[in-house]
Amino acid sequence: MSLSAEKFNQGMTVQEYIDQIKVNKQPFLDIYQAVQVPDSAKSLFDGLERPVNLAVFTADWCGDAVSTTPVILRLAESTPKISVQVFNRDEELELTNSFLPENRAGTVPVFVVLDSGMGEIARFVETANELVPSIDAMDEAIAQEVAAESEENRRAASRGKRMAFRVSHAQEWGEVILDAFGQTVTEGLGMASSERPAVGGTKWPPEP
């Protein structure tokens, strides 16, 4: 399934997306407001020969989306070379899954970079693969912190602590995300159109 210009233009602006967030809105806003786009990331896109389109398929309930989506939206808003439209993944599951291998169906968020003719340049899935060790370490540390709680309290406490950790590491993690995203787009732009898209982001689960 391809993403047409007509469908792309049916997406939400950044502000429209923010206005309708129902879950994790404050952590999203905290990260969105905290992240300063590094000059290296901004200059990479400012220097593009032609503008690109960015389709963002995200979900407000997803922890990785709370970390990654506001960072990439901040990048998009920092440069005139990115035209961004945002989609609720849960309302566009078939379209979102069309950008994922079968073994990763349902993964969120997904960022799709396209040229002016809606030819796909790059896909960035979930978050930076370089962040996975940090995410695993966060989960392990929090699991130890809440180990003495009842199961119900443990789940609630874990969610809250993970969100707080993501917010407190917004800039550090954001820079890693933007570097990985930029590398993926640069790779895609350097490829022949017949070989695109470049694919970046997390690698789990592995291909069967």
N, C-alpha and C. Protein backbone atom coordinates (compact mmCIF):
# COMPACT_ATOMS: atom_id res chain seq x y z
N MET A 1 0.85 -1.19 0.00
CA MET A 1 0.00 0.00 0.00
C MET A 1 0.88 1.24 0.00
N SER A 2 0.67 2.13 -0.95
CA SER A 2 1.47 3.34 -1.03
C SER A 2 0.73 4.50 -0.36
N LEU A 3 1.47 5.50 -0.01
CA LEU A 3 0.91 6.68 0.62
C LEU A 3 0.80 7.77 -0.44
N SER A 4 -0.41 8.07 -0.84
CA SER A 4 -0.63 9.08 -1.88
C SER A 4 -0.54 10.47 -1.29
N ALA A 5 -0.37 11.45 -2.17
CA ALA A 5 -0.36 12.85 -1.71
C ALA A 5 -1.70 13.20 -1.08
N GLU A 6 -2.78 12.68 -1.65
CA GLU A 6 -4.10 12.97 -1.09
C GLU A 6 -4.23 12.44 0.33
N LYS A 7 -3.79 11.20 0.55
CA LYS A 7 -3.86 10.62 1.88
C LYS A 7 -2.93 11.36 2.84
N PHE A 8 -1.74 11.69 2.38
CA PHE A 8 -0.78 12.41 3.21
C PHE A 8 -1.39 13.71 3.73
N ASN A 9 -2.08 14.40 2.87
CA ASN A 9 -2.64 15.69 3.24
C ASN A 9 -3.84 15.58 4.17
N GLN A 10 -4.31 14.37 4.42
CA GLN A 10 -5.41 14.15 5.37
C GLN A 10 -4.91 14.00 6.80
N GLY A 11 -3.60 13.99 6.99
CA GLY A 11 -3.04 13.86 8.32
C GLY A 11 -3.23 15.13 9.13
N MET A 12 -2.76 15.08 10.38
CA MET A 12 -2.87 16.21 11.29
C MET A 12 -1.59 17.03 11.31
N THR A 13 -1.74 18.32 11.56
CA THR A 13 -0.57 19.13 11.87
C THR A 13 -0.05 18.73 13.25
N VAL A 14 1.13 19.21 13.58
CA VAL A 14 1.69 18.91 14.90
C VAL A 14 0.75 19.40 15.99
N GLN A 15 0.26 20.63 15.88
CA GLN A 15 -0.62 21.16 16.92
C GLN A 15 -1.93 20.41 16.99
N GLU A 16 -2.48 20.04 15.84
CA GLU A 16 -3.73 19.25 15.85
C GLU A 16 -3.52 17.92 16.54
N TYR A 17 -2.36 17.30 16.31
CA TYR A 17 -2.09 16.03 16.99
C TYR A 17 -1.99 16.25 18.50
N ILE A 18 -1.22 17.25 18.91
CA ILE A 18 -1.06 17.52 20.33
C ILE A 18 -2.41 17.79 20.99
N ASP A 19 -3.25 18.55 20.33
CA ASP A 19 -4.55 18.92 20.91
C ASP A 19 -5.43 17.71 21.20
N GLN A 20 -5.27 16.63 20.42
CA GLN A 20 -6.16 15.49 20.61
C GLN A 20 -5.54 14.34 21.41
N ILE A 21 -4.32 14.50 21.90
CA ILE A 21 -3.70 13.45 22.71
C ILE A 21 -4.53 13.22 23.97
N LYS A 22 -4.83 11.97 24.25
CA LYS A 22 -5.64 11.60 25.41
C LYS A 22 -4.82 10.91 26.50
N VAL A 23 -3.77 10.20 26.14
CA VAL A 23 -2.96 9.44 27.08
C VAL A 23 -1.53 9.97 27.05
N ASN A 24 -0.93 10.14 28.22
CA ASN A 24 0.46 10.58 28.33
C ASN A 24 0.71 11.96 27.71
N LYS A 25 -0.30 12.82 27.75
CA LYS A 25 -0.14 14.14 27.13
C LYS A 25 0.94 14.97 27.82
N GLN A 26 0.95 14.97 29.16
CA GLN A 26 1.94 15.81 29.85
C GLN A 26 3.37 15.34 29.61
N PRO A 27 3.66 14.02 29.71
CA PRO A 27 5.02 13.60 29.37
C PRO A 27 5.41 13.95 27.94
N PHE A 28 4.46 13.79 27.01
CA PHE A 28 4.73 14.16 25.62
C PHE A 28 5.11 15.63 25.53
N LEU A 29 4.30 16.49 26.16
CA LEU A 29 4.57 17.93 26.11
C LEU A 29 5.88 18.27 26.82
N ASP A 30 6.16 17.59 27.93
CA ASP A 30 7.40 17.85 28.65
C ASP A 30 8.61 17.57 27.77
N ILE A 31 8.57 16.46 27.04
CA ILE A 31 9.68 16.11 26.15
C ILE A 31 9.73 17.06 24.96
N TYR A 32 8.58 17.34 24.38
CA TYR A 32 8.49 18.23 23.22
C TYR A 32 9.07 19.60 23.56
N GLN A 33 8.77 20.10 24.75
CA GLN A 33 9.24 21.43 25.15
C GLN A 33 10.69 21.43 25.62
N ALA A 34 11.16 20.28 26.10
CA ALA A 34 12.52 20.21 26.65
C ALA A 34 13.58 20.05 25.57
N VAL A 35 13.24 19.39 24.49
CA VAL A 35 14.26 19.05 23.49
C VAL A 35 14.66 20.27 22.66
N GLN A 36 15.94 20.50 22.61
CA GLN A 36 16.51 21.50 21.71
C GLN A 36 17.18 20.76 20.56
N VAL A 37 16.74 21.05 19.35
CA VAL A 37 17.28 20.35 18.18
C VAL A 37 18.73 20.78 17.97
N PRO A 38 19.67 19.83 17.98
CA PRO A 38 21.08 20.19 17.78
C PRO A 38 21.30 20.85 16.41
N ASP A 39 22.28 21.74 16.35
CA ASP A 39 22.57 22.42 15.08
C ASP A 39 22.91 21.42 13.99
N SER A 40 23.56 20.32 14.36
CA SER A 40 23.96 19.33 13.34
C SER A 40 22.74 18.71 12.68
N ALA A 41 21.70 18.43 13.47
CA ALA A 41 20.48 17.85 12.91
C ALA A 41 19.74 18.86 12.05
N LYS A 42 19.63 20.08 12.54
CA LYS A 42 18.92 21.11 11.80
C LYS A 42 19.63 21.44 10.49
N SER A 43 20.94 21.57 10.54
CA SER A 43 21.69 21.94 9.33
C SER A 43 21.63 20.85 8.28
N LEU A 44 21.55 19.58 8.72
CA LEU A 44 21.45 18.49 7.77
C LEU A 44 20.21 18.63 6.90
N PHE A 45 19.09 18.96 7.55
CA PHE A 45 17.84 19.08 6.79
C PHE A 45 17.73 20.44 6.11
N ASP A 46 18.21 21.49 6.75
CA ASP A 46 18.21 22.80 6.08
C ASP A 46 19.00 22.76 4.79
N GLY A 47 20.01 21.88 4.75
CA GLY A 47 20.87 21.80 3.58
C GLY A 47 20.37 20.89 2.47
N LEU A 48 19.19 20.28 2.65
CA LEU A 48 18.67 19.41 1.61
C LEU A 48 18.40 20.19 0.33
N GLU A 49 18.70 19.57 -0.79
CA GLU A 49 18.47 20.23 -2.08
C GLU A 49 16.98 20.47 -2.32
N ARG A 50 16.15 19.50 -1.89
CA ARG A 50 14.70 19.63 -2.06
C ARG A 50 14.01 19.26 -0.74
N PRO A 51 12.87 19.87 -0.46
CA PRO A 51 12.12 19.51 0.75
C PRO A 51 11.65 18.06 0.70
N VAL A 52 11.38 17.50 1.86
CA VAL A 52 10.84 16.15 1.95
C VAL A 52 9.53 16.18 2.73
N ASN A 53 8.73 15.15 2.52
CA ASN A 53 7.50 14.95 3.28
C ASN A 53 7.76 13.91 4.37
N LEU A 54 7.17 14.11 5.53
CA LEU A 54 7.34 13.17 6.65
C LEU A 54 5.97 12.77 7.17
N ALA A 55 5.64 11.50 7.03
CA ALA A 55 4.40 10.94 7.59
C ALA A 55 4.75 10.24 8.89
N VAL A 56 4.06 10.63 9.96
CA VAL A 56 4.32 10.09 11.29
C VAL A 56 3.10 9.27 11.73
N PHE A 57 3.30 7.98 11.97
CA PHE A 57 2.25 7.09 12.45
C PHE A 57 2.58 6.78 13.92
N THR A 58 1.76 7.28 14.83
CA THR A 58 2.12 7.20 16.25
C THR A 58 0.91 6.86 17.10
N ALA A 59 1.15 6.61 18.38
CA ALA A 59 0.07 6.26 19.31
C ALA A 59 0.43 6.82 20.67
N ASP A 60 -0.51 7.52 21.29
CA ASP A 60 -0.18 8.22 22.53
C ASP A 60 0.04 7.29 23.72
N TRP A 61 -0.41 6.03 23.63
CA TRP A 61 -0.25 5.09 24.74
C TRP A 61 1.13 4.42 24.76
N CYS A 62 1.89 4.58 23.70
CA CYS A 62 3.15 3.85 23.53
C CYS A 62 4.32 4.62 24.13
N GLY A 63 5.10 3.96 25.01
CA GLY A 63 6.23 4.60 25.65
C GLY A 63 7.29 5.07 24.66
N ASP A 64 7.60 4.22 23.66
CA ASP A 64 8.60 4.62 22.67
C ASP A 64 8.11 5.80 21.85
N ALA A 65 6.80 5.85 21.60
CA ALA A 65 6.25 7.00 20.88
C ALA A 65 6.37 8.27 21.70
N VAL A 66 6.17 8.17 23.02
CA VAL A 66 6.30 9.35 23.88
C VAL A 66 7.74 9.87 23.85
N SER A 67 8.71 8.98 23.76
CA SER A 67 10.12 9.40 23.69
C SER A 67 10.50 9.94 22.32
N THR A 68 10.02 9.28 21.27
CA THR A 68 10.54 9.53 19.92
C THR A 68 9.73 10.53 19.13
N THR A 69 8.40 10.43 19.19
CA THR A 69 7.56 11.29 18.34
C THR A 69 7.77 12.77 18.61
N PRO A 70 7.75 13.25 19.86
CA PRO A 70 7.93 14.70 20.05
C PRO A 70 9.28 15.20 19.59
N VAL A 71 10.31 14.36 19.68
CA VAL A 71 11.65 14.75 19.25
C VAL A 71 11.68 14.98 17.74
N ILE A 72 11.12 14.05 16.99
CA ILE A 72 11.14 14.18 15.54
C ILE A 72 10.18 15.27 15.06
N LEU A 73 9.09 15.47 15.78
CA LEU A 73 8.20 16.59 15.44
C LEU A 73 8.89 17.93 15.69
N ARG A 74 9.68 18.02 16.74
CA ARG A 74 10.45 19.24 16.99
C ARG A 74 11.43 19.50 15.85
N LEU A 75 12.07 18.45 15.38
CA LEU A 75 12.97 18.59 14.23
C LEU A 75 12.20 19.12 13.02
N ALA A 76 11.06 18.51 12.73
CA ALA A 76 10.27 18.90 11.56
C ALA A 76 9.87 20.36 11.63
N GLU A 77 9.56 20.83 12.83
CA GLU A 77 9.14 22.21 12.97
C GLU A 77 10.31 23.20 12.95
N SER A 78 11.53 22.68 13.05
CA SER A 78 12.71 23.55 13.10
C SER A 78 13.25 23.90 11.73
N THR A 79 12.74 23.25 10.69
CA THR A 79 13.29 23.46 9.35
C THR A 79 12.18 23.54 8.31
N PRO A 80 12.31 24.43 7.33
CA PRO A 80 11.32 24.51 6.26
C PRO A 80 11.43 23.37 5.25
N LYS A 81 12.43 22.54 5.41
CA LYS A 81 12.65 21.46 4.44
C LYS A 81 11.88 20.19 4.76
N ILE A 82 11.11 20.18 5.87
CA ILE A 82 10.29 19.01 6.21
C ILE A 82 8.83 19.44 6.30
N SER A 83 7.99 18.79 5.49
CA SER A 83 6.54 18.97 5.59
C SER A 83 5.98 17.75 6.31
N VAL A 84 5.39 17.95 7.49
CA VAL A 84 5.01 16.82 8.33
C VAL A 84 3.50 16.71 8.48
N GLN A 85 3.02 15.47 8.45
CA GLN A 85 1.62 15.16 8.74
C GLN A 85 1.61 13.98 9.70
N VAL A 86 0.73 14.03 10.69
CA VAL A 86 0.70 13.04 11.76
C VAL A 86 -0.60 12.23 11.69
N PHE A 87 -0.47 10.93 11.90
CA PHE A 87 -1.62 10.03 11.86
C PHE A 87 -1.68 9.21 13.15
N ASN A 88 -2.87 8.98 13.66
CA ASN A 88 -3.05 8.05 14.76
C ASN A 88 -2.90 6.64 14.21
N ARG A 89 -1.88 5.93 14.69
CA ARG A 89 -1.63 4.58 14.16
C ARG A 89 -2.85 3.68 14.30
N ASP A 90 -3.57 3.77 15.42
CA ASP A 90 -4.68 2.87 15.66
C ASP A 90 -5.82 3.07 14.66
N GLU A 91 -5.88 4.23 14.04
CA GLU A 91 -6.88 4.50 13.01
C GLU A 91 -6.35 4.17 11.61
N GLU A 92 -5.06 3.90 11.52
CA GLU A 92 -4.41 3.64 10.22
C GLU A 92 -3.53 2.41 10.30
N LEU A 93 -4.07 1.36 10.94
CA LEU A 93 -3.24 0.18 11.20
C LEU A 93 -2.78 -0.50 9.91
N GLU A 94 -3.68 -0.66 8.96
CA GLU A 94 -3.30 -1.34 7.71
C GLU A 94 -2.23 -0.55 6.97
N LEU A 95 -2.41 0.76 6.89
CA LEU A 95 -1.43 1.60 6.20
C LEU A 95 -0.09 1.57 6.93
N THR A 96 -0.12 1.68 8.25
CA THR A 96 1.13 1.65 9.02
C THR A 96 1.85 0.33 8.83
N ASN A 97 1.12 -0.77 8.91
CA ASN A 97 1.73 -2.09 8.77
C ASN A 97 2.31 -2.31 7.38
N SER A 98 1.82 -1.56 6.39
CA SER A 98 2.36 -1.71 5.04
C SER A 98 3.81 -1.23 4.96
N PHE A 99 4.25 -0.47 5.97
CA PHE A 99 5.63 0.00 6.01
C PHE A 99 6.50 -0.86 6.93
N LEU A 100 5.96 -1.99 7.40
CA LEU A 100 6.66 -2.86 8.32
C LEU A 100 6.75 -4.28 7.75
N PRO A 101 7.83 -5.00 8.06
CA PRO A 101 7.86 -6.42 7.70
C PRO A 101 6.81 -7.16 8.53
N GLU A 102 6.38 -8.30 8.04
CA GLU A 102 5.29 -9.04 8.69
C GLU A 102 5.59 -9.34 10.15
N ASN A 103 6.84 -9.65 10.46
CA ASN A 103 7.18 -10.02 11.84
C ASN A 103 7.17 -8.82 12.79
N ARG A 104 7.03 -7.62 12.25
CA ARG A 104 7.00 -6.42 13.09
C ARG A 104 5.65 -5.70 13.01
N ALA A 105 4.66 -6.36 12.45
CA ALA A 105 3.33 -5.74 12.35
C ALA A 105 2.88 -5.26 13.73
N GLY A 106 2.34 -4.07 13.77
CA GLY A 106 1.87 -3.50 15.03
C GLY A 106 2.88 -2.63 15.74
N THR A 107 4.13 -2.61 15.28
CA THR A 107 5.15 -1.77 15.90
C THR A 107 4.80 -0.29 15.71
N VAL A 108 5.06 0.49 16.73
CA VAL A 108 4.74 1.91 16.69
C VAL A 108 5.78 2.66 17.52
N PRO A 109 6.17 3.88 17.11
CA PRO A 109 5.76 4.65 15.96
C PRO A 109 6.56 4.28 14.71
N VAL A 110 6.06 4.77 13.57
CA VAL A 110 6.74 4.60 12.29
C VAL A 110 6.81 5.96 11.61
N PHE A 111 7.99 6.31 11.13
CA PHE A 111 8.23 7.59 10.46
C PHE A 111 8.63 7.30 9.01
N VAL A 112 7.89 7.87 8.08
CA VAL A 112 8.12 7.59 6.66
C VAL A 112 8.49 8.90 5.95
N VAL A 113 9.67 8.92 5.34
CA VAL A 113 10.16 10.11 4.65
C VAL A 113 9.99 9.90 3.15
N LEU A 114 9.36 10.87 2.50
CA LEU A 114 9.05 10.75 1.08
C LEU A 114 9.51 12.00 0.32
N ASP A 115 9.77 11.81 -0.97
CA ASP A 115 10.13 12.97 -1.79
C ASP A 115 8.88 13.69 -2.26
N SER A 116 9.05 14.73 -3.06
CA SER A 116 7.92 15.56 -3.47
C SER A 116 6.92 14.79 -4.34
N GLY A 117 7.38 13.72 -4.97
CA GLY A 117 6.49 12.89 -5.77
C GLY A 117 5.92 11.72 -5.00
N MET A 118 6.10 11.71 -3.68
CA MET A 118 5.63 10.67 -2.76
C MET A 118 6.36 9.35 -2.95
N GLY A 119 7.55 9.42 -3.51
CA GLY A 119 8.42 8.26 -3.54
C GLY A 119 9.11 8.11 -2.20
N GLU A 120 9.16 6.90 -1.68
CA GLU A 120 9.69 6.70 -0.34
C GLU A 120 11.22 6.77 -0.33
N ILE A 121 11.74 7.54 0.62
CA ILE A 121 13.18 7.70 0.80
C ILE A 121 13.69 6.85 1.95
N ALA A 122 12.98 6.90 3.07
CA ALA A 122 13.46 6.23 4.27
C ALA A 122 12.31 5.91 5.21
N ARG A 123 12.54 4.89 6.05
CA ARG A 123 11.62 4.54 7.14
C ARG A 123 12.43 4.48 8.43
N PHE A 124 11.83 4.98 9.49
CA PHE A 124 12.47 4.93 10.80
C PHE A 124 11.45 4.33 11.75
N VAL A 125 11.80 3.20 12.36
CA VAL A 125 10.83 2.39 13.10
C VAL A 125 11.11 2.42 14.61
N GLU A 126 10.11 2.82 15.37
CA GLU A 126 10.07 2.75 16.82
C GLU A 126 10.95 3.80 17.49
N THR A 127 12.26 3.56 17.57
CA THR A 127 13.18 4.55 18.13
C THR A 127 14.58 4.18 17.68
N ALA A 128 15.57 4.92 18.13
CA ALA A 128 16.94 4.64 17.73
C ALA A 128 17.39 3.30 18.31
N ASN A 129 17.97 2.47 17.46
CA ASN A 129 18.46 1.18 17.94
C ASN A 129 19.55 1.37 18.99
N GLU A 130 20.27 2.49 18.91
CA GLU A 130 21.33 2.77 19.86
C GLU A 130 20.79 3.01 21.28
N LEU A 131 19.49 3.29 21.40
CA LEU A 131 18.89 3.53 22.71
C LEU A 131 18.44 2.24 23.41
N VAL A 132 18.40 1.15 22.70
CA VAL A 132 17.86 -0.09 23.28
C VAL A 132 18.57 -0.49 24.57
N PRO A 133 19.91 -0.45 24.66
CA PRO A 133 20.56 -0.79 25.93
C PRO A 133 20.12 0.13 27.07
N SER A 134 19.93 1.42 26.78
CA SER A 134 19.50 2.35 27.82
C SER A 134 18.07 2.07 28.26
N ILE A 135 17.22 1.72 27.32
CA ILE A 135 15.83 1.38 27.64
C ILE A 135 15.78 0.10 28.47
N ASP A 136 16.58 -0.90 28.09
CA ASP A 136 16.63 -2.15 28.85
C ASP A 136 17.14 -1.89 30.27
N ALA A 137 18.15 -1.05 30.40
CA ALA A 137 18.70 -0.74 31.72
C ALA A 137 17.66 0.00 32.57
N MET A 138 16.93 0.92 31.95
CA MET A 138 15.85 1.62 32.65
C MET A 138 14.82 0.63 33.18
N ASP A 139 14.38 -0.27 32.32
CA ASP A 139 13.36 -1.24 32.72
C ASP A 139 13.85 -2.14 33.85
N GLU A 140 15.11 -2.55 33.78
CA GLU A 140 15.66 -3.43 34.81
C GLU A 140 15.76 -2.70 36.15
N ALA A 141 16.22 -1.45 36.12
CA ALA A 141 16.36 -0.68 37.36
C ALA A 141 15.00 -0.42 38.00
N ILE A 142 14.02 -0.09 37.18
CA ILE A 142 12.69 0.19 37.71
C ILE A 142 12.04 -1.08 38.25
N ALA A 143 12.26 -2.21 37.58
CA ALA A 143 11.72 -3.48 38.06
C ALA A 143 12.24 -3.80 39.46
N GLN A 144 13.51 -3.50 39.70
CA GLN A 144 14.09 -3.74 41.01
C GLN A 144 13.50 -2.78 42.05
N GLU A 145 13.25 -1.53 41.64
CA GLU A 145 12.70 -0.53 42.56
C GLU A 145 11.31 -0.90 43.05
N VAL A 146 10.50 -1.51 42.19
CA VAL A 146 9.10 -1.78 42.53
C VAL A 146 8.86 -3.25 42.87
N ALA A 147 9.92 -4.02 43.02
CA ALA A 147 9.79 -5.46 43.21
C ALA A 147 8.96 -5.82 44.44
N ALA A 148 8.99 -4.98 45.47
CA ALA A 148 8.29 -5.30 46.72
C ALA A 148 6.81 -4.94 46.67
N GLU A 149 6.37 -4.24 45.63
CA GLU A 149 4.98 -3.82 45.52
C GLU A 149 4.10 -5.00 45.09
N SER A 150 2.77 -4.88 45.35
CA SER A 150 1.83 -5.86 44.82
C SER A 150 1.84 -5.76 43.30
N GLU A 151 1.33 -6.80 42.64
CA GLU A 151 1.38 -6.82 41.18
C GLU A 151 0.68 -5.59 40.58
N GLU A 152 -0.50 -5.25 41.11
CA GLU A 152 -1.24 -4.10 40.58
C GLU A 152 -0.47 -2.81 40.80
N ASN A 153 0.03 -2.62 42.01
CA ASN A 153 0.81 -1.41 42.29
C ASN A 153 2.11 -1.38 41.50
N ARG A 154 2.68 -2.55 41.28
CA ARG A 154 3.94 -2.64 40.54
C ARG A 154 3.76 -2.14 39.12
N ARG A 155 2.66 -2.54 38.48
CA ARG A 155 2.42 -2.10 37.10
C ARG A 155 2.24 -0.59 37.03
N ALA A 156 1.43 -0.04 37.93
CA ALA A 156 1.17 1.40 37.93
C ALA A 156 2.44 2.18 38.24
N ALA A 157 3.19 1.73 39.25
CA ALA A 157 4.42 2.42 39.62
C ALA A 157 5.45 2.36 38.50
N SER A 158 5.51 1.22 37.84
CA SER A 158 6.47 1.06 36.75
C SER A 158 6.17 2.02 35.62
N ARG A 159 4.89 2.13 35.26
CA ARG A 159 4.51 3.05 34.18
C ARG A 159 4.92 4.48 34.53
N GLY A 160 4.59 4.90 35.74
CA GLY A 160 4.92 6.26 36.15
C GLY A 160 6.41 6.52 36.16
N LYS A 161 7.18 5.58 36.68
CA LYS A 161 8.63 5.75 36.76
C LYS A 161 9.27 5.75 35.37
N ARG A 162 8.76 4.92 34.45
CA ARG A 162 9.31 4.91 33.10
C ARG A 162 9.07 6.24 32.41
N MET A 163 7.86 6.79 32.56
CA MET A 163 7.56 8.07 31.93
C MET A 163 8.44 9.17 32.51
N ALA A 164 8.60 9.18 33.84
CA ALA A 164 9.44 10.19 34.48
C ALA A 164 10.89 10.08 34.00
N PHE A 165 11.36 8.85 33.83
CA PHE A 165 12.72 8.63 33.37
C PHE A 165 12.89 9.14 31.94
N ARG A 166 11.90 8.85 31.09
CA ARG A 166 11.96 9.30 29.69
C ARG A 166 12.01 10.83 29.63
N VAL A 167 11.20 11.48 30.46
CA VAL A 167 11.18 12.94 30.47
C VAL A 167 12.52 13.49 30.94
N SER A 168 13.06 12.90 32.00
CA SER A 168 14.32 13.41 32.56
C SER A 168 15.50 13.22 31.61
N HIS A 169 15.37 12.30 30.67
CA HIS A 169 16.44 12.04 29.69
C HIS A 169 16.06 12.56 28.30
N ALA A 170 15.15 13.50 28.23
CA ALA A 170 14.63 13.97 26.94
C ALA A 170 15.73 14.46 26.01
N GLN A 171 16.59 15.33 26.49
CA GLN A 171 17.62 15.88 25.60
C GLN A 171 18.65 14.84 25.21
N GLU A 172 19.12 14.09 26.21
CA GLU A 172 20.13 13.05 25.95
C GLU A 172 19.61 12.03 24.94
N TRP A 173 18.42 11.50 25.20
CA TRP A 173 17.86 10.52 24.29
C TRP A 173 17.47 11.16 22.97
N GLY A 174 16.98 12.39 23.02
CA GLY A 174 16.57 13.07 21.80
C GLY A 174 17.70 13.24 20.81
N GLU A 175 18.89 13.56 21.32
CA GLU A 175 20.03 13.72 20.43
C GLU A 175 20.40 12.41 19.77
N VAL A 176 20.29 11.31 20.50
CA VAL A 176 20.57 9.99 19.92
C VAL A 176 19.54 9.67 18.83
N ILE A 177 18.28 9.95 19.12
CA ILE A 177 17.21 9.69 18.16
C ILE A 177 17.41 10.51 16.89
N LEU A 178 17.69 11.79 17.03
CA LEU A 178 17.84 12.66 15.87
C LEU A 178 19.07 12.29 15.04
N ASP A 179 20.13 11.86 15.70
CA ASP A 179 21.32 11.43 14.97
C ASP A 179 21.01 10.18 14.15
N ALA A 180 20.32 9.21 14.76
CA ALA A 180 19.98 7.98 14.04
C ALA A 180 19.00 8.25 12.91
N PHE A 181 18.01 9.10 13.17
CA PHE A 181 17.04 9.45 12.14
C PHE A 181 17.74 10.15 10.97
N GLY A 182 18.61 11.09 11.27
CA GLY A 182 19.33 11.80 10.21
C GLY A 182 20.19 10.87 9.39
N GLN A 183 20.84 9.92 10.04
CA GLN A 183 21.67 8.95 9.32
C GLN A 183 20.83 8.12 8.36
N THR A 184 19.63 7.73 8.81
CA THR A 184 18.76 6.92 7.96
C THR A 184 18.30 7.70 6.74
N VAL A 185 17.92 8.95 6.95
CA VAL A 185 17.48 9.78 5.82
C VAL A 185 18.65 10.03 4.86
N THR A 186 19.82 10.32 5.40
CA THR A 186 20.99 10.53 4.56
C THR A 186 21.29 9.30 3.72
N GLU A 187 21.18 8.12 4.34
CA GLU A 187 21.41 6.88 3.61
C GLU A 187 20.39 6.74 2.48
N GLY A 188 19.12 7.02 2.77
CA GLY A 188 18.10 6.92 1.74
C GLY A 188 18.32 7.87 0.58
N LEU A 189 18.72 9.09 0.90
CA LEU A 189 18.96 10.07 -0.16
C LEU A 189 20.12 9.67 -1.05
N GLY A 190 21.06 8.90 -0.49
CA GLY A 190 22.21 8.46 -1.26
C GLY A 190 21.96 7.21 -2.09
N MET A 191 20.79 6.61 -1.95
CA MET A 191 20.47 5.38 -2.65
C MET A 191 19.75 5.69 -3.97
N ALA A 192 19.90 4.80 -4.93
CA ALA A 192 19.10 4.90 -6.15
C ALA A 192 17.64 4.69 -5.78
N SER A 193 16.72 5.34 -6.50
CA SER A 193 15.30 5.24 -6.17
C SER A 193 14.81 3.80 -6.19
N SER A 194 15.42 2.97 -7.02
CA SER A 194 15.01 1.57 -7.11
C SER A 194 15.44 0.76 -5.90
N GLU A 195 16.39 1.29 -5.12
CA GLU A 195 16.89 0.57 -3.95
C GLU A 195 16.27 1.06 -2.66
N ARG A 196 15.61 2.17 -2.69
CA ARG A 196 15.01 2.74 -1.49
C ARG A 196 13.82 1.90 -1.03
N PRO A 197 13.44 1.99 0.25
CA PRO A 197 13.89 2.97 1.23
C PRO A 197 15.03 2.45 2.08
N ALA A 198 15.78 3.39 2.66
CA ALA A 198 16.66 3.03 3.76
C ALA A 198 15.79 2.79 4.99
N VAL A 199 16.19 1.85 5.83
CA VAL A 199 15.39 1.51 7.01
C VAL A 199 16.26 1.66 8.26
N GLY A 200 15.79 2.45 9.22
CA GLY A 200 16.50 2.64 10.47
C GLY A 200 15.57 2.42 11.65
N GLY A 201 16.12 2.57 12.83
CA GLY A 201 15.33 2.34 14.05
C GLY A 201 15.69 1.01 14.69
N THR A 202 14.84 0.55 15.58
CA THR A 202 15.13 -0.68 16.30
C THR A 202 15.09 -1.90 15.38
N LYS A 203 15.80 -2.93 15.78
CA LYS A 203 15.94 -4.15 14.97
C LYS A 203 15.20 -5.33 15.59
N TRP A 204 14.51 -5.10 16.69
CA TRP A 204 13.83 -6.21 17.36
C TRP A 204 12.37 -6.24 16.98
N PRO A 205 11.75 -7.45 16.80
CA PRO A 205 12.42 -8.76 16.79
C PRO A 205 13.17 -8.96 15.49
N PRO A 206 14.14 -9.86 15.48
CA PRO A 206 14.92 -10.07 14.26
C PRO A 206 14.07 -10.71 13.16
N GLU A 207 14.53 -10.54 11.95
CA GLU A 207 13.84 -11.18 10.83
C GLU A 207 13.86 -12.70 11.02
N PRO A 208 12.76 -13.39 10.70
CA PRO A 208 12.73 -14.85 10.85
C PRO A 208 13.71 -15.51 9.89
